[in-house]
Each structure stands twice: as C-alpha cells, then as structure tokens.
Amino acid sequence: MAPLHPALPGTSAAAAHLAARAQVPVWLPWPLPRAWLVTGLQAAGDDHTGWLATVVAMSGPNPLATRGRPGSRVADVLVVAEQPAIGLGARLAGISDVDPGPALSAAMAAGGPHAVAEADGHAVPMWSVAGAPDRAVYVGEAASVWLWLVALPAEAGAIALEDLRLMDLRAPEHPLDLPTGAASPHLA
C-alpha cells in the first residue's frame, strides 16, 4: 500500500512540489472552467518510489445548480491519476474495490464512452461508474494510468460533458499560476 500524504493547499508552490515527485500525471483542467479555483492537492507514495497517485481538487459553480437546494450552487471536482492497485481514486469515488475493474468493465460492455476528455492533446474516453450516491464518477485511462473524475454533488458530473482539457502540471511549459481557493473538505 502506498501511504497517503496530508493534503496540500492548491497553491502554485504546492503544485510545483507535488509535480516534482510525481511518477504519474498531475492532471488539471486548463484553462480552468470559468470561476473555478484549485482547492487542494494530495499524493500517495513514498520517498523511494515518488508519488504513485495524485489528486487535484477544484471548486466552482455547479453547472446544474438548482435554486432553493442548500449546497447545490457549489460543486467540487477531484481529478485523480494513479497507477493500478493504489486505491486513492476508488476511495474518493466511494467504491469498495481498489481499482474500477468490475464497474468499468460493466460500463464498457454497455456501450461507448459517456464522456471524452482531452489529456495532453490525446482523447481519453471515460465511462460513468457507480460510486457513492452523492457523487458522479468517470473513469478512463490516460498516460498508462487510471484517470478519475469525481464530481460532488452528483449533478455536477455534467462538467465531464464540457470541453475538458487536462494538462499535466509536470510539464515545464505549464505556467503554474493557479487561482487558489479554500481547502477542499474532500481530501483527507
């Protein structure tokens, strides 16, 4: 098991620190959706292997906000990259397995992808899988590792249907000038 490290603030300095040790992509939608902020970063791994899983938390306006419903106007999205058998994405998604395996296989057998993201210029098909009832979960594979999008509340999963372009924060050309918000309550 890879140890889970405490969450970091979503600052540019913290992102540079995380990216320097990451063995997997540190995916961030770029440009960020309008009025969205980076609200935290987290990693799993150790000093010998580096980070084998990364998560970037973001908050912003819920794309399907419903008036009169408390909390529905704000959405949170967690973007996870992880090597197989780490389990961070599954934990954040509310799935009891370590990997999306059976749930993803069933979703893929039912038909084509439910969403397509772009990761470093490559189309990444993503399938909706059942997670905890309060969230929408999409899973695909990018850069030879799992890519998870976990949206809270569940209706905020509509963000996966937007033109989602992910950039790896490890890329030297990324400006790392991140708009930062209050700490995400979804990171341990």
N, C-alpha and C. Protein backbone atom coordinates (compact mmCIF):
# COMPACT_ATOMS: atom_id res chain seq x y z
N MET A 1 0.84 -1.19 0.00
CA MET A 1 0.00 0.00 0.00
C MET A 1 0.88 1.25 0.00
N ALA A 2 0.52 2.19 -0.81
CA ALA A 2 1.24 3.47 -0.85
C ALA A 2 0.65 4.38 0.21
N PRO A 3 1.49 4.98 1.07
CA PRO A 3 0.96 5.86 2.10
C PRO A 3 0.35 7.12 1.50
N LEU A 4 -0.77 7.55 2.09
CA LEU A 4 -1.44 8.78 1.67
C LEU A 4 -0.89 9.94 2.48
N HIS A 5 -0.46 10.97 1.81
CA HIS A 5 0.13 12.14 2.47
C HIS A 5 -0.94 13.18 2.74
N PRO A 6 -0.71 14.04 3.73
CA PRO A 6 -1.70 15.09 4.03
C PRO A 6 -1.93 15.99 2.82
N ALA A 7 -3.12 16.53 2.76
CA ALA A 7 -3.47 17.44 1.67
C ALA A 7 -2.63 18.70 1.75
N LEU A 8 -2.32 19.24 0.59
CA LEU A 8 -1.60 20.49 0.46
C LEU A 8 -2.56 21.56 -0.04
N PRO A 9 -2.29 22.83 0.23
CA PRO A 9 -3.13 23.88 -0.36
C PRO A 9 -2.97 23.90 -1.87
N GLY A 10 -3.92 24.46 -2.57
CA GLY A 10 -3.89 24.48 -4.03
C GLY A 10 -3.05 25.59 -4.61
N THR A 11 -1.95 25.90 -3.98
CA THR A 11 -1.09 26.99 -4.44
C THR A 11 -0.14 26.54 -5.54
N SER A 12 0.41 27.50 -6.24
CA SER A 12 1.38 27.20 -7.29
C SER A 12 2.62 26.53 -6.72
N ALA A 13 3.08 26.97 -5.54
CA ALA A 13 4.27 26.38 -4.92
C ALA A 13 4.00 24.93 -4.54
N ALA A 14 2.84 24.64 -3.97
CA ALA A 14 2.49 23.27 -3.60
C ALA A 14 2.37 22.39 -4.85
N ALA A 15 1.81 22.95 -5.93
CA ALA A 15 1.68 22.19 -7.18
C ALA A 15 3.06 21.86 -7.75
N ALA A 16 3.99 22.79 -7.68
CA ALA A 16 5.34 22.54 -8.17
C ALA A 16 6.02 21.46 -7.34
N HIS A 17 5.82 21.49 -6.03
CA HIS A 17 6.38 20.47 -5.14
C HIS A 17 5.81 19.09 -5.47
N LEU A 18 4.50 19.02 -5.62
CA LEU A 18 3.84 17.75 -5.94
C LEU A 18 4.31 17.22 -7.30
N ALA A 19 4.35 18.09 -8.28
CA ALA A 19 4.72 17.69 -9.64
C ALA A 19 6.16 17.19 -9.71
N ALA A 20 7.04 17.74 -8.91
CA ALA A 20 8.45 17.36 -8.95
C ALA A 20 8.68 15.91 -8.52
N ARG A 21 7.80 15.36 -7.67
CA ARG A 21 7.98 13.99 -7.16
C ARG A 21 7.03 13.00 -7.80
N ALA A 22 6.12 13.45 -8.61
CA ALA A 22 5.06 12.58 -9.15
C ALA A 22 5.59 11.64 -10.23
N GLN A 23 5.23 10.37 -10.11
CA GLN A 23 5.53 9.36 -11.12
C GLN A 23 4.35 9.18 -12.07
N VAL A 24 3.25 9.85 -11.76
CA VAL A 24 2.04 9.83 -12.58
C VAL A 24 1.67 11.27 -12.91
N PRO A 25 0.83 11.50 -13.90
CA PRO A 25 0.45 12.88 -14.21
C PRO A 25 -0.24 13.58 -13.03
N VAL A 26 -0.12 14.87 -13.01
CA VAL A 26 -0.87 15.70 -12.06
C VAL A 26 -1.81 16.51 -12.95
N TRP A 27 -3.00 15.93 -13.21
CA TRP A 27 -3.92 16.50 -14.20
C TRP A 27 -4.68 17.69 -13.62
N LEU A 28 -4.77 18.72 -14.43
CA LEU A 28 -5.55 19.91 -14.09
C LEU A 28 -6.26 20.38 -15.35
N PRO A 29 -7.57 20.60 -15.29
CA PRO A 29 -8.23 21.22 -16.44
C PRO A 29 -7.61 22.60 -16.69
N TRP A 30 -7.16 22.82 -17.91
CA TRP A 30 -6.52 24.10 -18.23
C TRP A 30 -6.91 24.56 -19.60
N PRO A 31 -7.48 25.72 -19.74
CA PRO A 31 -7.75 26.63 -18.64
C PRO A 31 -8.85 26.08 -17.73
N LEU A 32 -8.83 26.54 -16.48
CA LEU A 32 -9.86 26.13 -15.54
C LEU A 32 -11.22 26.60 -16.04
N PRO A 33 -12.27 25.84 -15.74
CA PRO A 33 -13.61 26.36 -16.06
C PRO A 33 -13.80 27.73 -15.40
N ARG A 34 -14.63 28.54 -15.99
CA ARG A 34 -14.86 29.91 -15.50
C ARG A 34 -15.28 29.91 -14.03
N ALA A 35 -14.60 30.73 -13.23
CA ALA A 35 -14.87 30.94 -11.81
C ALA A 35 -14.49 29.74 -10.93
N TRP A 36 -13.70 28.82 -11.44
CA TRP A 36 -13.25 27.68 -10.65
C TRP A 36 -11.89 27.98 -10.02
N LEU A 37 -11.63 27.35 -8.86
CA LEU A 37 -10.40 27.54 -8.11
C LEU A 37 -9.81 26.19 -7.74
N VAL A 38 -8.50 26.13 -7.63
CA VAL A 38 -7.83 24.92 -7.15
C VAL A 38 -7.89 24.96 -5.62
N THR A 39 -8.44 23.90 -5.03
CA THR A 39 -8.69 23.91 -3.59
C THR A 39 -7.89 22.87 -2.81
N GLY A 40 -6.98 22.19 -3.45
CA GLY A 40 -6.13 21.27 -2.73
C GLY A 40 -5.43 20.29 -3.65
N LEU A 41 -4.37 19.69 -3.11
CA LEU A 41 -3.57 18.71 -3.81
C LEU A 41 -3.24 17.60 -2.81
N GLN A 42 -3.11 16.39 -3.31
CA GLN A 42 -2.76 15.29 -2.42
C GLN A 42 -2.04 14.22 -3.23
N ALA A 43 -1.24 13.41 -2.55
CA ALA A 43 -0.49 12.35 -3.22
C ALA A 43 -0.38 11.13 -2.33
N ALA A 44 -0.17 10.00 -2.98
CA ALA A 44 0.13 8.74 -2.28
C ALA A 44 1.42 8.20 -2.86
N GLY A 45 2.28 7.73 -2.01
CA GLY A 45 3.56 7.18 -2.43
C GLY A 45 4.56 7.30 -1.30
N ASP A 46 5.83 7.01 -1.59
CA ASP A 46 6.85 7.11 -0.54
C ASP A 46 8.12 7.73 -1.11
N ASP A 47 9.11 7.85 -0.24
CA ASP A 47 10.36 8.52 -0.64
C ASP A 47 11.13 7.74 -1.70
N HIS A 48 10.94 6.43 -1.76
CA HIS A 48 11.69 5.62 -2.73
C HIS A 48 11.05 5.62 -4.11
N THR A 49 9.72 5.56 -4.15
CA THR A 49 9.03 5.45 -5.43
C THR A 49 8.54 6.79 -5.97
N GLY A 50 8.42 7.78 -5.12
CA GLY A 50 7.78 9.03 -5.52
C GLY A 50 6.27 8.87 -5.41
N TRP A 51 5.53 9.82 -5.95
CA TRP A 51 4.07 9.78 -5.84
C TRP A 51 3.50 8.87 -6.93
N LEU A 52 2.78 7.84 -6.49
CA LEU A 52 2.16 6.88 -7.41
C LEU A 52 0.71 7.22 -7.70
N ALA A 53 0.18 8.17 -6.96
CA ALA A 53 -1.19 8.68 -7.19
C ALA A 53 -1.21 10.15 -6.82
N THR A 54 -1.92 10.94 -7.61
CA THR A 54 -2.07 12.36 -7.33
C THR A 54 -3.54 12.75 -7.46
N VAL A 55 -3.93 13.75 -6.72
CA VAL A 55 -5.29 14.28 -6.85
C VAL A 55 -5.22 15.80 -6.80
N VAL A 56 -5.97 16.43 -7.69
CA VAL A 56 -6.13 17.87 -7.71
C VAL A 56 -7.61 18.14 -7.44
N ALA A 57 -7.88 18.92 -6.39
CA ALA A 57 -9.26 19.27 -6.03
C ALA A 57 -9.56 20.68 -6.53
N MET A 58 -10.78 20.85 -7.04
CA MET A 58 -11.22 22.15 -7.53
C MET A 58 -12.64 22.41 -7.06
N SER A 59 -12.98 23.67 -6.92
CA SER A 59 -14.35 24.06 -6.58
C SER A 59 -14.78 25.20 -7.49
N GLY A 60 -16.08 25.24 -7.76
CA GLY A 60 -16.61 26.31 -8.59
C GLY A 60 -18.12 26.21 -8.68
N PRO A 61 -18.71 27.01 -9.56
CA PRO A 61 -20.16 26.98 -9.69
C PRO A 61 -20.64 25.65 -10.26
N ASN A 62 -21.68 25.12 -9.65
CA ASN A 62 -22.28 23.87 -10.11
C ASN A 62 -22.92 24.11 -11.48
N PRO A 63 -22.52 23.35 -12.51
CA PRO A 63 -23.08 23.59 -13.84
C PRO A 63 -24.59 23.33 -13.93
N LEU A 64 -25.15 22.57 -13.00
CA LEU A 64 -26.59 22.30 -12.99
C LEU A 64 -27.21 22.71 -11.66
N ALA A 65 -26.80 23.86 -11.13
CA ALA A 65 -27.29 24.32 -9.83
C ALA A 65 -28.81 24.43 -9.83
N THR A 66 -29.39 24.03 -8.72
CA THR A 66 -30.84 24.10 -8.53
C THR A 66 -31.13 25.12 -7.44
N ARG A 67 -31.95 26.10 -7.75
CA ARG A 67 -32.30 27.11 -6.75
C ARG A 67 -33.05 26.48 -5.60
N GLY A 68 -32.78 27.00 -4.40
CA GLY A 68 -33.51 26.56 -3.24
C GLY A 68 -32.98 25.29 -2.60
N ARG A 69 -32.00 24.67 -3.21
CA ARG A 69 -31.44 23.45 -2.63
C ARG A 69 -30.10 23.80 -1.98
N PRO A 70 -30.00 23.69 -0.65
CA PRO A 70 -28.76 24.08 0.03
C PRO A 70 -27.55 23.33 -0.52
N GLY A 71 -26.49 24.09 -0.73
CA GLY A 71 -25.23 23.49 -1.15
C GLY A 71 -25.14 23.13 -2.62
N SER A 72 -26.22 23.23 -3.35
CA SER A 72 -26.18 22.78 -4.74
C SER A 72 -25.56 23.80 -5.69
N ARG A 73 -25.32 25.01 -5.23
CA ARG A 73 -24.78 26.03 -6.11
C ARG A 73 -23.26 25.91 -6.29
N VAL A 74 -22.60 25.16 -5.40
CA VAL A 74 -21.16 24.97 -5.48
C VAL A 74 -20.88 23.51 -5.79
N ALA A 75 -19.90 23.29 -6.62
CA ALA A 75 -19.51 21.93 -7.00
C ALA A 75 -18.03 21.73 -6.69
N ASP A 76 -17.68 20.49 -6.44
CA ASP A 76 -16.29 20.11 -6.25
C ASP A 76 -15.96 19.02 -7.25
N VAL A 77 -14.77 19.08 -7.81
CA VAL A 77 -14.30 18.04 -8.72
C VAL A 77 -12.91 17.63 -8.26
N LEU A 78 -12.72 16.31 -8.19
CA LEU A 78 -11.42 15.74 -7.85
C LEU A 78 -10.90 15.03 -9.09
N VAL A 79 -9.70 15.37 -9.53
CA VAL A 79 -9.08 14.75 -10.70
C VAL A 79 -7.92 13.91 -10.19
N VAL A 80 -8.04 12.59 -10.38
CA VAL A 80 -7.06 11.65 -9.82
C VAL A 80 -6.34 10.93 -10.95
N ALA A 81 -5.03 10.81 -10.81
CA ALA A 81 -4.22 9.95 -11.68
C ALA A 81 -3.53 8.96 -10.74
N GLU A 82 -3.60 7.68 -11.08
CA GLU A 82 -2.94 6.71 -10.21
C GLU A 82 -2.57 5.45 -10.96
N GLN A 83 -1.50 4.84 -10.50
CA GLN A 83 -1.12 3.53 -11.01
C GLN A 83 -2.14 2.51 -10.51
N PRO A 84 -2.29 1.38 -11.22
CA PRO A 84 -3.22 0.35 -10.76
C PRO A 84 -2.89 -0.12 -9.34
N ALA A 85 -3.94 -0.50 -8.63
CA ALA A 85 -3.86 -1.10 -7.28
C ALA A 85 -3.46 -0.12 -6.18
N ILE A 86 -3.54 1.18 -6.42
CA ILE A 86 -3.25 2.15 -5.36
C ILE A 86 -4.51 2.39 -4.53
N GLY A 87 -5.65 2.65 -5.19
CA GLY A 87 -6.93 2.76 -4.49
C GLY A 87 -7.37 4.15 -4.09
N LEU A 88 -6.58 5.18 -4.37
CA LEU A 88 -6.98 6.53 -3.98
C LEU A 88 -8.22 6.99 -4.74
N GLY A 89 -8.24 6.76 -6.05
CA GLY A 89 -9.41 7.16 -6.85
C GLY A 89 -10.66 6.44 -6.39
N ALA A 90 -10.55 5.15 -6.14
CA ALA A 90 -11.72 4.37 -5.69
C ALA A 90 -12.21 4.88 -4.34
N ARG A 91 -11.28 5.20 -3.44
CA ARG A 91 -11.67 5.72 -2.13
C ARG A 91 -12.44 7.03 -2.27
N LEU A 92 -11.92 7.94 -3.07
CA LEU A 92 -12.58 9.23 -3.26
C LEU A 92 -13.92 9.09 -3.98
N ALA A 93 -14.03 8.05 -4.82
CA ALA A 93 -15.27 7.81 -5.56
C ALA A 93 -16.32 7.10 -4.72
N GLY A 94 -15.90 6.50 -3.61
CA GLY A 94 -16.83 5.73 -2.79
C GLY A 94 -17.05 4.33 -3.32
N ILE A 95 -16.01 3.76 -3.92
CA ILE A 95 -16.06 2.40 -4.47
C ILE A 95 -15.25 1.49 -3.55
N SER A 96 -15.77 0.33 -3.25
CA SER A 96 -15.09 -0.56 -2.29
C SER A 96 -13.89 -1.29 -2.89
N ASP A 97 -13.80 -1.42 -4.20
CA ASP A 97 -12.65 -2.07 -4.83
C ASP A 97 -11.46 -1.11 -4.87
N VAL A 98 -10.26 -1.65 -5.10
CA VAL A 98 -9.06 -0.83 -5.22
C VAL A 98 -9.02 -0.14 -6.58
N ASP A 99 -9.45 -0.82 -7.61
CA ASP A 99 -9.49 -0.29 -8.97
C ASP A 99 -10.93 -0.29 -9.47
N PRO A 100 -11.20 0.42 -10.56
CA PRO A 100 -12.57 0.45 -11.08
C PRO A 100 -12.99 -0.83 -11.78
N GLY A 101 -12.06 -1.76 -11.98
CA GLY A 101 -12.23 -3.02 -12.70
C GLY A 101 -13.62 -3.47 -13.05
N PRO A 102 -14.35 -4.17 -12.14
CA PRO A 102 -15.66 -4.71 -12.49
C PRO A 102 -16.67 -3.64 -12.91
N ALA A 103 -16.68 -2.52 -12.20
CA ALA A 103 -17.63 -1.45 -12.53
C ALA A 103 -17.34 -0.88 -13.91
N LEU A 104 -16.07 -0.70 -14.23
CA LEU A 104 -15.69 -0.16 -15.53
C LEU A 104 -15.97 -1.18 -16.63
N SER A 105 -15.69 -2.43 -16.39
CA SER A 105 -15.97 -3.48 -17.39
C SER A 105 -17.45 -3.51 -17.74
N ALA A 106 -18.31 -3.41 -16.74
CA ALA A 106 -19.75 -3.40 -16.97
C ALA A 106 -20.17 -2.17 -17.76
N ALA A 107 -19.60 -1.01 -17.42
CA ALA A 107 -19.95 0.22 -18.14
C ALA A 107 -19.48 0.16 -19.59
N MET A 108 -18.31 -0.40 -19.82
CA MET A 108 -17.78 -0.50 -21.19
C MET A 108 -18.59 -1.49 -22.02
N ALA A 109 -19.04 -2.57 -21.39
CA ALA A 109 -19.84 -3.57 -22.10
C ALA A 109 -21.19 -3.01 -22.51
N ALA A 110 -21.67 -2.01 -21.77
CA ALA A 110 -22.97 -1.42 -22.06
C ALA A 110 -22.93 -0.47 -23.26
N GLY A 111 -21.75 -0.08 -23.70
CA GLY A 111 -21.67 0.80 -24.87
C GLY A 111 -20.46 1.71 -24.82
N GLY A 112 -20.47 2.67 -25.71
CA GLY A 112 -19.36 3.60 -25.86
C GLY A 112 -19.19 4.49 -24.65
N PRO A 113 -18.16 5.31 -24.67
CA PRO A 113 -17.87 6.16 -23.52
C PRO A 113 -19.00 7.17 -23.27
N HIS A 114 -19.11 7.58 -22.00
CA HIS A 114 -20.11 8.57 -21.61
C HIS A 114 -19.59 9.99 -21.74
N ALA A 115 -18.27 10.12 -21.77
CA ALA A 115 -17.63 11.44 -21.90
C ALA A 115 -16.26 11.22 -22.53
N VAL A 116 -15.71 12.29 -23.07
CA VAL A 116 -14.36 12.24 -23.62
C VAL A 116 -13.63 13.48 -23.13
N ALA A 117 -12.53 13.27 -22.46
CA ALA A 117 -11.67 14.38 -22.03
C ALA A 117 -10.47 14.41 -22.96
N GLU A 118 -9.75 15.50 -22.93
CA GLU A 118 -8.50 15.60 -23.68
C GLU A 118 -7.38 15.73 -22.66
N ALA A 119 -6.41 14.83 -22.69
CA ALA A 119 -5.28 14.87 -21.78
C ALA A 119 -4.00 15.03 -22.58
N ASP A 120 -3.37 16.17 -22.42
CA ASP A 120 -2.15 16.49 -23.17
C ASP A 120 -2.33 16.25 -24.66
N GLY A 121 -3.46 16.65 -25.19
CA GLY A 121 -3.72 16.56 -26.63
C GLY A 121 -4.25 15.23 -27.10
N HIS A 122 -4.46 14.28 -26.22
CA HIS A 122 -4.97 12.96 -26.60
C HIS A 122 -6.39 12.78 -26.07
N ALA A 123 -7.29 12.27 -26.91
CA ALA A 123 -8.66 11.99 -26.48
C ALA A 123 -8.66 10.82 -25.51
N VAL A 124 -9.36 10.99 -24.40
CA VAL A 124 -9.45 9.95 -23.37
C VAL A 124 -10.93 9.61 -23.17
N PRO A 125 -11.37 8.44 -23.66
CA PRO A 125 -12.75 8.03 -23.40
C PRO A 125 -12.94 7.73 -21.92
N MET A 126 -14.08 8.17 -21.38
CA MET A 126 -14.37 7.98 -19.96
C MET A 126 -15.76 7.40 -19.79
N TRP A 127 -15.88 6.50 -18.84
CA TRP A 127 -17.15 5.85 -18.57
C TRP A 127 -17.63 6.22 -17.18
N SER A 128 -18.93 6.41 -17.07
CA SER A 128 -19.55 6.67 -15.77
C SER A 128 -19.67 5.35 -15.03
N VAL A 129 -19.20 5.31 -13.80
CA VAL A 129 -19.32 4.12 -12.96
C VAL A 129 -20.01 4.50 -11.66
N ALA A 130 -20.67 3.54 -11.05
CA ALA A 130 -21.40 3.79 -9.81
C ALA A 130 -20.43 3.96 -8.66
N GLY A 131 -20.54 5.09 -7.98
CA GLY A 131 -19.77 5.35 -6.78
C GLY A 131 -20.75 5.65 -5.66
N ALA A 132 -20.32 6.41 -4.68
CA ALA A 132 -21.21 6.84 -3.60
C ALA A 132 -22.36 7.63 -4.21
N PRO A 133 -23.56 7.57 -3.64
CA PRO A 133 -24.73 8.20 -4.26
C PRO A 133 -24.67 9.73 -4.36
N ASP A 134 -23.80 10.37 -3.60
CA ASP A 134 -23.74 11.84 -3.64
C ASP A 134 -22.76 12.37 -4.67
N ARG A 135 -22.19 11.48 -5.50
CA ARG A 135 -21.18 11.94 -6.46
C ARG A 135 -21.30 11.24 -7.81
N ALA A 136 -20.79 11.91 -8.83
CA ALA A 136 -20.69 11.32 -10.17
C ALA A 136 -19.23 10.92 -10.37
N VAL A 137 -19.03 9.74 -10.96
CA VAL A 137 -17.67 9.21 -11.12
C VAL A 137 -17.47 8.80 -12.58
N TYR A 138 -16.40 9.30 -13.17
CA TYR A 138 -16.00 8.92 -14.52
C TYR A 138 -14.59 8.36 -14.46
N VAL A 139 -14.33 7.30 -15.20
CA VAL A 139 -13.02 6.66 -15.20
C VAL A 139 -12.57 6.39 -16.63
N GLY A 140 -11.29 6.59 -16.86
CA GLY A 140 -10.66 6.26 -18.14
C GLY A 140 -9.20 5.96 -17.89
N GLU A 141 -8.45 5.89 -18.97
CA GLU A 141 -7.02 5.64 -18.85
C GLU A 141 -6.27 6.65 -19.70
N ALA A 142 -5.32 7.34 -19.07
CA ALA A 142 -4.51 8.33 -19.77
C ALA A 142 -3.07 8.20 -19.30
N ALA A 143 -2.14 8.26 -20.20
CA ALA A 143 -0.71 8.15 -19.90
C ALA A 143 -0.41 6.86 -19.15
N SER A 144 -1.12 5.79 -19.51
CA SER A 144 -0.91 4.45 -18.97
C SER A 144 -1.27 4.29 -17.49
N VAL A 145 -2.07 5.20 -16.96
CA VAL A 145 -2.56 5.10 -15.58
C VAL A 145 -4.05 5.45 -15.55
N TRP A 146 -4.71 5.12 -14.44
CA TRP A 146 -6.13 5.46 -14.29
C TRP A 146 -6.30 6.97 -14.20
N LEU A 147 -7.35 7.44 -14.81
CA LEU A 147 -7.78 8.83 -14.70
C LEU A 147 -9.20 8.81 -14.15
N TRP A 148 -9.41 9.42 -13.02
CA TRP A 148 -10.71 9.50 -12.37
C TRP A 148 -11.16 10.96 -12.33
N LEU A 149 -12.44 11.20 -12.59
CA LEU A 149 -13.09 12.49 -12.32
C LEU A 149 -14.21 12.19 -11.34
N VAL A 150 -14.14 12.77 -10.17
CA VAL A 150 -15.16 12.58 -9.14
C VAL A 150 -15.79 13.94 -8.89
N ALA A 151 -17.08 14.06 -9.14
CA ALA A 151 -17.78 15.33 -9.00
C ALA A 151 -18.81 15.24 -7.88
N LEU A 152 -18.84 16.26 -7.03
CA LEU A 152 -19.79 16.36 -5.94
C LEU A 152 -20.48 17.71 -5.99
N PRO A 153 -21.77 17.80 -5.88
CA PRO A 153 -22.75 16.72 -5.83
C PRO A 153 -22.84 16.02 -7.19
N ALA A 154 -23.63 14.96 -7.22
CA ALA A 154 -23.68 14.10 -8.41
C ALA A 154 -24.02 14.85 -9.69
N GLU A 155 -24.94 15.82 -9.60
CA GLU A 155 -25.33 16.52 -10.84
C GLU A 155 -24.18 17.36 -11.40
N ALA A 156 -23.17 17.64 -10.59
CA ALA A 156 -22.01 18.39 -11.07
C ALA A 156 -21.18 17.56 -12.04
N GLY A 157 -21.49 16.28 -12.16
CA GLY A 157 -20.81 15.42 -13.13
C GLY A 157 -20.98 15.91 -14.55
N ALA A 158 -21.92 16.83 -14.77
CA ALA A 158 -22.11 17.41 -16.10
C ALA A 158 -20.85 18.11 -16.59
N ILE A 159 -19.96 18.46 -15.68
CA ILE A 159 -18.71 19.11 -16.10
C ILE A 159 -17.89 18.19 -17.00
N ALA A 160 -18.06 16.87 -16.84
CA ALA A 160 -17.33 15.92 -17.69
C ALA A 160 -17.80 15.98 -19.13
N LEU A 161 -18.98 16.54 -19.36
CA LEU A 161 -19.52 16.64 -20.71
C LEU A 161 -19.07 17.91 -21.41
N GLU A 162 -18.44 18.81 -20.66
CA GLU A 162 -17.93 20.04 -21.25
C GLU A 162 -16.61 19.75 -21.96
N ASP A 163 -16.08 20.73 -22.61
CA ASP A 163 -14.81 20.60 -23.32
C ASP A 163 -13.68 20.59 -22.30
N LEU A 164 -13.44 19.44 -21.70
CA LEU A 164 -12.49 19.30 -20.61
C LEU A 164 -11.11 18.97 -21.16
N ARG A 165 -10.18 19.90 -21.02
CA ARG A 165 -8.81 19.71 -21.49
C ARG A 165 -7.90 19.66 -20.27
N LEU A 166 -7.23 18.53 -20.12
CA LEU A 166 -6.37 18.33 -18.96
C LEU A 166 -4.92 18.54 -19.35
N MET A 167 -4.20 19.24 -18.50
CA MET A 167 -2.77 19.46 -18.69
C MET A 167 -2.04 18.84 -17.51
N ASP A 168 -0.92 18.22 -17.77
CA ASP A 168 -0.10 17.63 -16.73
C ASP A 168 0.77 18.73 -16.11
N LEU A 169 0.59 18.97 -14.81
CA LEU A 169 1.36 20.02 -14.14
C LEU A 169 2.86 19.71 -14.09
N ARG A 170 3.24 18.49 -14.45
CA ARG A 170 4.67 18.17 -14.52
C ARG A 170 5.32 18.78 -15.76
N ALA A 171 4.51 19.20 -16.73
CA ALA A 171 5.05 19.76 -17.98
C ALA A 171 5.74 21.09 -17.70
N PRO A 172 6.95 21.26 -18.19
CA PRO A 172 7.68 22.50 -17.91
C PRO A 172 7.02 23.74 -18.49
N GLU A 173 6.21 23.58 -19.53
CA GLU A 173 5.59 24.76 -20.14
C GLU A 173 4.35 25.25 -19.40
N HIS A 174 3.90 24.50 -18.37
CA HIS A 174 2.73 24.97 -17.62
C HIS A 174 3.12 26.16 -16.77
N PRO A 175 2.30 27.22 -16.79
CA PRO A 175 2.66 28.45 -16.09
C PRO A 175 2.62 28.32 -14.56
N LEU A 176 1.91 27.35 -14.02
CA LEU A 176 1.77 27.15 -12.58
C LEU A 176 1.39 28.41 -11.82
N ASP A 177 0.53 29.21 -12.42
CA ASP A 177 -0.04 30.37 -11.74
C ASP A 177 -1.50 30.03 -11.48
N LEU A 178 -1.74 29.32 -10.37
CA LEU A 178 -3.06 28.74 -10.11
C LEU A 178 -3.92 29.64 -9.24
N PRO A 179 -5.17 29.85 -9.62
CA PRO A 179 -6.08 30.56 -8.73
C PRO A 179 -6.47 29.60 -7.60
N THR A 180 -6.26 30.02 -6.37
CA THR A 180 -6.42 29.14 -5.22
C THR A 180 -7.62 29.54 -4.38
N GLY A 181 -8.34 28.50 -3.89
CA GLY A 181 -9.49 28.73 -3.02
C GLY A 181 -9.31 28.03 -1.69
N ALA A 182 -10.33 28.10 -0.86
CA ALA A 182 -10.30 27.49 0.46
C ALA A 182 -10.10 25.98 0.33
N ALA A 183 -9.52 25.36 1.35
CA ALA A 183 -9.17 23.94 1.34
C ALA A 183 -10.39 23.07 1.10
N SER A 184 -10.23 22.07 0.25
CA SER A 184 -11.30 21.13 -0.07
C SER A 184 -11.59 20.25 1.14
N PRO A 185 -12.87 20.07 1.47
CA PRO A 185 -13.23 19.16 2.56
C PRO A 185 -13.17 17.70 2.14
N HIS A 186 -12.91 17.41 0.87
CA HIS A 186 -12.94 16.04 0.36
C HIS A 186 -11.59 15.35 0.38
N LEU A 187 -10.54 16.08 0.74
CA LEU A 187 -9.21 15.48 0.84
C LEU A 187 -8.91 15.21 2.31
N ALA A 188 -8.30 14.06 2.58
CA ALA A 188 -8.00 13.69 3.97
C ALA A 188 -6.91 14.57 4.53
